Amino acid sequence: MRSLDHPQLSSVSLSDALAALADPTRRAIVRVLTDGREHPAGDFDLGVAQSTLSHHIKKLRQGGITRSRPEGTRCWVSLRPEFDERFPDLLRTVLTLDADA
């Protein structure tokens, strides 16, 4: 089974996290994940190609925001609860400001 790299949150900077959240497609993915559940990548019906969706999920993982868990041919994605400990209320604030825009 393949393994996916997840950065140590201590090595993730605020700039890394904000860069991962800069794209509207990635914010849409995070918005779905705020329900606290793990989702298969197929749950994100965002009107982008599968390869593009995979790219966005990878950027969120590299930004320390999500955790990806491969299972067979599927990839399950969830928010990393410890991200909110490192950057308190950052996701909530970004998503709130995004909704207000």
N, C-alpha and C. Protein backbone atom coordinates (compact mmCIF):
# COMPACT_ATOMS: atom_id res chain seq x y z
N MET A 1 0.85 -1.17 0.00
CA MET A 1 0.00 0.00 0.00
C MET A 1 0.90 1.24 0.00
N ARG A 2 0.51 2.23 -0.79
CA ARG A 2 1.31 3.45 -0.87
C ARG A 2 1.18 4.25 0.42
N SER A 3 2.16 5.07 0.64
CA SER A 3 2.17 5.91 1.83
C SER A 3 2.22 7.37 1.38
N LEU A 4 1.53 8.22 2.09
CA LEU A 4 1.49 9.63 1.76
C LEU A 4 2.24 10.42 2.83
N ASP A 5 3.00 11.41 2.38
CA ASP A 5 3.75 12.24 3.32
C ASP A 5 2.86 13.31 3.92
N HIS A 6 2.90 13.41 5.23
CA HIS A 6 2.19 14.46 5.96
C HIS A 6 3.25 15.22 6.75
N PRO A 7 3.31 16.53 6.59
CA PRO A 7 4.35 17.28 7.30
C PRO A 7 4.08 17.33 8.80
N GLN A 8 5.16 17.43 9.56
CA GLN A 8 5.02 17.70 10.98
C GLN A 8 4.45 19.11 11.10
N LEU A 9 3.44 19.30 11.90
CA LEU A 9 2.82 20.62 11.99
C LEU A 9 3.78 21.67 12.53
N SER A 10 4.77 21.25 13.30
CA SER A 10 5.74 22.22 13.80
C SER A 10 6.57 22.82 12.67
N SER A 11 6.61 22.13 11.52
CA SER A 11 7.37 22.65 10.38
C SER A 11 6.49 23.44 9.40
N VAL A 12 5.18 23.48 9.64
CA VAL A 12 4.27 24.21 8.77
C VAL A 12 4.17 25.66 9.26
N SER A 13 4.49 26.58 8.37
CA SER A 13 4.41 28.00 8.73
C SER A 13 3.02 28.54 8.40
N LEU A 14 2.74 29.71 8.95
CA LEU A 14 1.49 30.38 8.64
C LEU A 14 1.42 30.66 7.14
N SER A 15 2.52 31.01 6.54
CA SER A 15 2.56 31.25 5.08
C SER A 15 2.20 29.99 4.31
N ASP A 16 2.70 28.83 4.76
CA ASP A 16 2.37 27.55 4.11
C ASP A 16 0.86 27.31 4.18
N ALA A 17 0.29 27.52 5.36
CA ALA A 17 -1.14 27.26 5.55
C ALA A 17 -1.98 28.22 4.70
N LEU A 18 -1.61 29.49 4.71
CA LEU A 18 -2.37 30.48 3.93
C LEU A 18 -2.23 30.23 2.43
N ALA A 19 -1.06 29.80 1.99
CA ALA A 19 -0.88 29.48 0.57
C ALA A 19 -1.79 28.32 0.18
N ALA A 20 -1.92 27.33 1.06
CA ALA A 20 -2.79 26.20 0.77
C ALA A 20 -4.25 26.62 0.72
N LEU A 21 -4.61 27.63 1.49
CA LEU A 21 -6.00 28.10 1.54
C LEU A 21 -6.29 29.21 0.53
N ALA A 22 -5.30 29.63 -0.23
CA ALA A 22 -5.47 30.75 -1.16
C ALA A 22 -6.38 30.43 -2.33
N ASP A 23 -6.48 29.16 -2.69
CA ASP A 23 -7.27 28.79 -3.86
C ASP A 23 -8.72 28.51 -3.48
N PRO A 24 -9.68 29.03 -4.25
CA PRO A 24 -11.10 28.81 -3.91
C PRO A 24 -11.52 27.34 -3.96
N THR A 25 -10.92 26.55 -4.83
CA THR A 25 -11.26 25.12 -4.87
C THR A 25 -10.81 24.43 -3.59
N ARG A 26 -9.65 24.80 -3.09
CA ARG A 26 -9.17 24.20 -1.85
C ARG A 26 -10.02 24.64 -0.67
N ARG A 27 -10.47 25.89 -0.68
CA ARG A 27 -11.37 26.33 0.40
C ARG A 27 -12.69 25.57 0.34
N ALA A 28 -13.16 25.26 -0.86
CA ALA A 28 -14.39 24.47 -1.00
C ALA A 28 -14.21 23.06 -0.44
N ILE A 29 -13.05 22.48 -0.66
CA ILE A 29 -12.75 21.15 -0.09
C ILE A 29 -12.77 21.23 1.43
N VAL A 30 -12.10 22.24 1.98
CA VAL A 30 -12.05 22.40 3.44
C VAL A 30 -13.45 22.61 3.99
N ARG A 31 -14.28 23.38 3.28
CA ARG A 31 -15.65 23.62 3.73
C ARG A 31 -16.42 22.30 3.88
N VAL A 32 -16.25 21.39 2.92
CA VAL A 32 -16.91 20.07 3.01
C VAL A 32 -16.38 19.32 4.23
N LEU A 33 -15.08 19.41 4.48
CA LEU A 33 -14.45 18.65 5.56
C LEU A 33 -14.77 19.18 6.95
N THR A 34 -15.34 20.37 7.04
CA THR A 34 -15.63 20.92 8.36
C THR A 34 -16.73 20.16 9.10
N ASP A 35 -17.35 19.20 8.42
CA ASP A 35 -18.34 18.37 9.12
C ASP A 35 -17.67 17.37 10.06
N GLY A 36 -16.33 17.32 10.03
CA GLY A 36 -15.59 16.47 10.96
C GLY A 36 -15.45 15.02 10.53
N ARG A 37 -16.00 14.69 9.35
CA ARG A 37 -15.94 13.31 8.87
C ARG A 37 -14.80 13.13 7.87
N GLU A 38 -14.48 11.89 7.63
CA GLU A 38 -13.52 11.52 6.60
C GLU A 38 -14.31 11.30 5.31
N HIS A 39 -13.83 11.87 4.22
CA HIS A 39 -14.55 11.79 2.94
C HIS A 39 -13.68 11.15 1.87
N PRO A 40 -14.30 10.32 1.02
CA PRO A 40 -13.54 9.85 -0.15
C PRO A 40 -13.39 11.02 -1.11
N ALA A 41 -12.29 11.04 -1.85
CA ALA A 41 -12.04 12.14 -2.78
C ALA A 41 -13.20 12.33 -3.75
N GLY A 42 -13.95 11.28 -4.04
CA GLY A 42 -15.09 11.37 -4.94
C GLY A 42 -16.25 12.20 -4.40
N ASP A 43 -16.24 12.53 -3.10
CA ASP A 43 -17.30 13.35 -2.50
C ASP A 43 -17.22 14.81 -2.91
N PHE A 44 -16.10 15.22 -3.45
CA PHE A 44 -15.89 16.63 -3.78
C PHE A 44 -16.27 16.88 -5.23
N ASP A 45 -17.54 17.21 -5.43
CA ASP A 45 -18.05 17.49 -6.77
C ASP A 45 -17.85 18.97 -7.04
N LEU A 46 -16.66 19.33 -7.51
CA LEU A 46 -16.29 20.74 -7.66
C LEU A 46 -16.12 21.16 -9.10
N GLY A 47 -16.48 20.28 -10.03
CA GLY A 47 -16.40 20.63 -11.44
C GLY A 47 -14.99 20.74 -11.97
N VAL A 48 -14.06 20.00 -11.36
CA VAL A 48 -12.68 19.98 -11.85
C VAL A 48 -12.30 18.54 -12.19
N ALA A 49 -11.30 18.39 -13.03
CA ALA A 49 -10.82 17.05 -13.40
C ALA A 49 -10.26 16.33 -12.17
N GLN A 50 -10.28 15.01 -12.21
CA GLN A 50 -9.77 14.21 -11.10
C GLN A 50 -8.31 14.57 -10.79
N SER A 51 -7.51 14.78 -11.84
CA SER A 51 -6.10 15.12 -11.62
C SER A 51 -5.97 16.48 -10.91
N THR A 52 -6.83 17.41 -11.25
CA THR A 52 -6.82 18.73 -10.61
C THR A 52 -7.25 18.60 -9.16
N LEU A 53 -8.27 17.80 -8.91
CA LEU A 53 -8.73 17.57 -7.54
C LEU A 53 -7.61 16.95 -6.70
N SER A 54 -6.92 15.97 -7.27
CA SER A 54 -5.81 15.33 -6.57
C SER A 54 -4.72 16.35 -6.23
N HIS A 55 -4.45 17.25 -7.16
CA HIS A 55 -3.46 18.31 -6.93
C HIS A 55 -3.87 19.19 -5.74
N HIS A 56 -5.14 19.59 -5.70
CA HIS A 56 -5.62 20.45 -4.61
C HIS A 56 -5.57 19.72 -3.27
N ILE A 57 -5.93 18.46 -3.26
CA ILE A 57 -5.87 17.67 -2.02
C ILE A 57 -4.42 17.55 -1.55
N LYS A 58 -3.51 17.36 -2.48
CA LYS A 58 -2.09 17.28 -2.13
C LYS A 58 -1.60 18.60 -1.53
N LYS A 59 -2.00 19.72 -2.10
CA LYS A 59 -1.59 21.03 -1.58
C LYS A 59 -2.12 21.26 -0.16
N LEU A 60 -3.35 20.83 0.10
CA LEU A 60 -3.89 20.95 1.45
C LEU A 60 -3.13 20.06 2.43
N ARG A 61 -2.77 18.87 1.99
CA ARG A 61 -1.98 17.96 2.84
C ARG A 61 -0.61 18.57 3.12
N GLN A 62 0.04 19.11 2.10
CA GLN A 62 1.36 19.72 2.27
C GLN A 62 1.29 20.96 3.16
N GLY A 63 0.16 21.63 3.17
CA GLY A 63 -0.03 22.80 4.03
C GLY A 63 -0.39 22.43 5.46
N GLY A 64 -0.45 21.12 5.74
CA GLY A 64 -0.72 20.65 7.10
C GLY A 64 -2.18 20.66 7.49
N ILE A 65 -3.06 20.96 6.55
CA ILE A 65 -4.48 21.14 6.87
C ILE A 65 -5.26 19.83 6.87
N THR A 66 -4.93 18.95 5.96
CA THR A 66 -5.67 17.70 5.84
C THR A 66 -4.79 16.48 6.03
N ARG A 67 -5.44 15.38 6.27
CA ARG A 67 -4.80 14.07 6.33
C ARG A 67 -5.46 13.23 5.25
N SER A 68 -4.63 12.54 4.46
CA SER A 68 -5.14 11.64 3.43
C SER A 68 -4.78 10.21 3.82
N ARG A 69 -5.77 9.34 3.64
CA ARG A 69 -5.56 7.93 4.00
C ARG A 69 -5.93 7.07 2.80
N PRO A 70 -4.92 6.48 2.13
CA PRO A 70 -5.24 5.60 1.02
C PRO A 70 -5.83 4.28 1.51
N GLU A 71 -6.83 3.81 0.79
CA GLU A 71 -7.44 2.51 1.10
C GLU A 71 -7.80 1.87 -0.23
N GLY A 72 -7.01 0.92 -0.66
CA GLY A 72 -7.24 0.31 -1.97
C GLY A 72 -7.04 1.34 -3.05
N THR A 73 -8.04 1.52 -3.88
CA THR A 73 -7.95 2.51 -4.95
C THR A 73 -8.54 3.85 -4.55
N ARG A 74 -9.03 3.95 -3.34
CA ARG A 74 -9.64 5.20 -2.87
C ARG A 74 -8.69 5.95 -1.96
N CYS A 75 -8.94 7.23 -1.85
CA CYS A 75 -8.19 8.07 -0.92
C CYS A 75 -9.20 8.81 -0.06
N TRP A 76 -9.09 8.65 1.24
CA TRP A 76 -9.99 9.29 2.19
C TRP A 76 -9.30 10.53 2.74
N VAL A 77 -10.05 11.61 2.88
CA VAL A 77 -9.48 12.89 3.29
C VAL A 77 -10.25 13.42 4.50
N SER A 78 -9.52 13.99 5.45
CA SER A 78 -10.15 14.61 6.62
C SER A 78 -9.28 15.79 7.06
N LEU A 79 -9.87 16.66 7.87
CA LEU A 79 -9.10 17.74 8.46
C LEU A 79 -8.23 17.18 9.58
N ARG A 80 -7.06 17.75 9.74
CA ARG A 80 -6.20 17.36 10.86
C ARG A 80 -6.64 18.17 12.08
N PRO A 81 -7.16 17.52 13.12
CA PRO A 81 -7.64 18.27 14.28
C PRO A 81 -6.52 19.08 14.94
N GLU A 82 -5.30 18.59 14.86
CA GLU A 82 -4.18 19.28 15.48
C GLU A 82 -3.81 20.58 14.74
N PHE A 83 -4.32 20.74 13.51
CA PHE A 83 -4.06 21.98 12.77
C PHE A 83 -4.66 23.17 13.52
N ASP A 84 -5.87 22.98 14.07
CA ASP A 84 -6.53 24.06 14.80
C ASP A 84 -5.79 24.37 16.10
N GLU A 85 -5.07 23.42 16.64
CA GLU A 85 -4.26 23.68 17.83
C GLU A 85 -3.07 24.56 17.47
N ARG A 86 -2.49 24.31 16.30
CA ARG A 86 -1.32 25.09 15.85
C ARG A 86 -1.74 26.49 15.41
N PHE A 87 -2.84 26.59 14.69
CA PHE A 87 -3.34 27.86 14.17
C PHE A 87 -4.80 28.03 14.59
N PRO A 88 -5.03 28.40 15.86
CA PRO A 88 -6.39 28.48 16.38
C PRO A 88 -7.30 29.37 15.53
N ASP A 89 -8.44 28.81 15.17
CA ASP A 89 -9.51 29.52 14.45
C ASP A 89 -9.13 30.01 13.05
N LEU A 90 -7.99 29.62 12.53
CA LEU A 90 -7.59 30.07 11.19
C LEU A 90 -8.58 29.58 10.14
N LEU A 91 -8.90 28.29 10.15
CA LEU A 91 -9.82 27.76 9.15
C LEU A 91 -11.19 28.44 9.25
N ARG A 92 -11.71 28.56 10.45
CA ARG A 92 -13.01 29.20 10.64
C ARG A 92 -12.99 30.64 10.13
N THR A 93 -11.93 31.36 10.44
CA THR A 93 -11.83 32.75 10.01
C THR A 93 -11.74 32.87 8.50
N VAL A 94 -10.90 32.07 7.89
CA VAL A 94 -10.75 32.12 6.43
C VAL A 94 -12.06 31.76 5.74
N LEU A 95 -12.71 30.70 6.21
CA LEU A 95 -13.98 30.30 5.58
C LEU A 95 -15.08 31.33 5.80
N THR A 96 -15.10 31.97 6.96
CA THR A 96 -16.09 33.02 7.23
C THR A 96 -15.85 34.21 6.32
N LEU A 97 -14.61 34.63 6.21
CA LEU A 97 -14.29 35.77 5.34
C LEU A 97 -14.57 35.42 3.88
N ASP A 98 -14.31 34.18 3.49
CA ASP A 98 -14.58 33.74 2.12
C ASP A 98 -16.08 33.77 1.83
N ALA A 99 -16.89 33.39 2.80
CA ALA A 99 -18.34 33.40 2.60
C ALA A 99 -18.88 34.82 2.53
N ASP A 100 -18.22 35.75 3.21
CA ASP A 100 -18.65 37.15 3.23
C ASP A 100 -18.25 37.89 1.95
N ALA A 101 -17.28 37.34 1.22
CA ALA A 101 -16.76 38.05 0.03
C ALA A 101 -17.74 38.04 -1.11
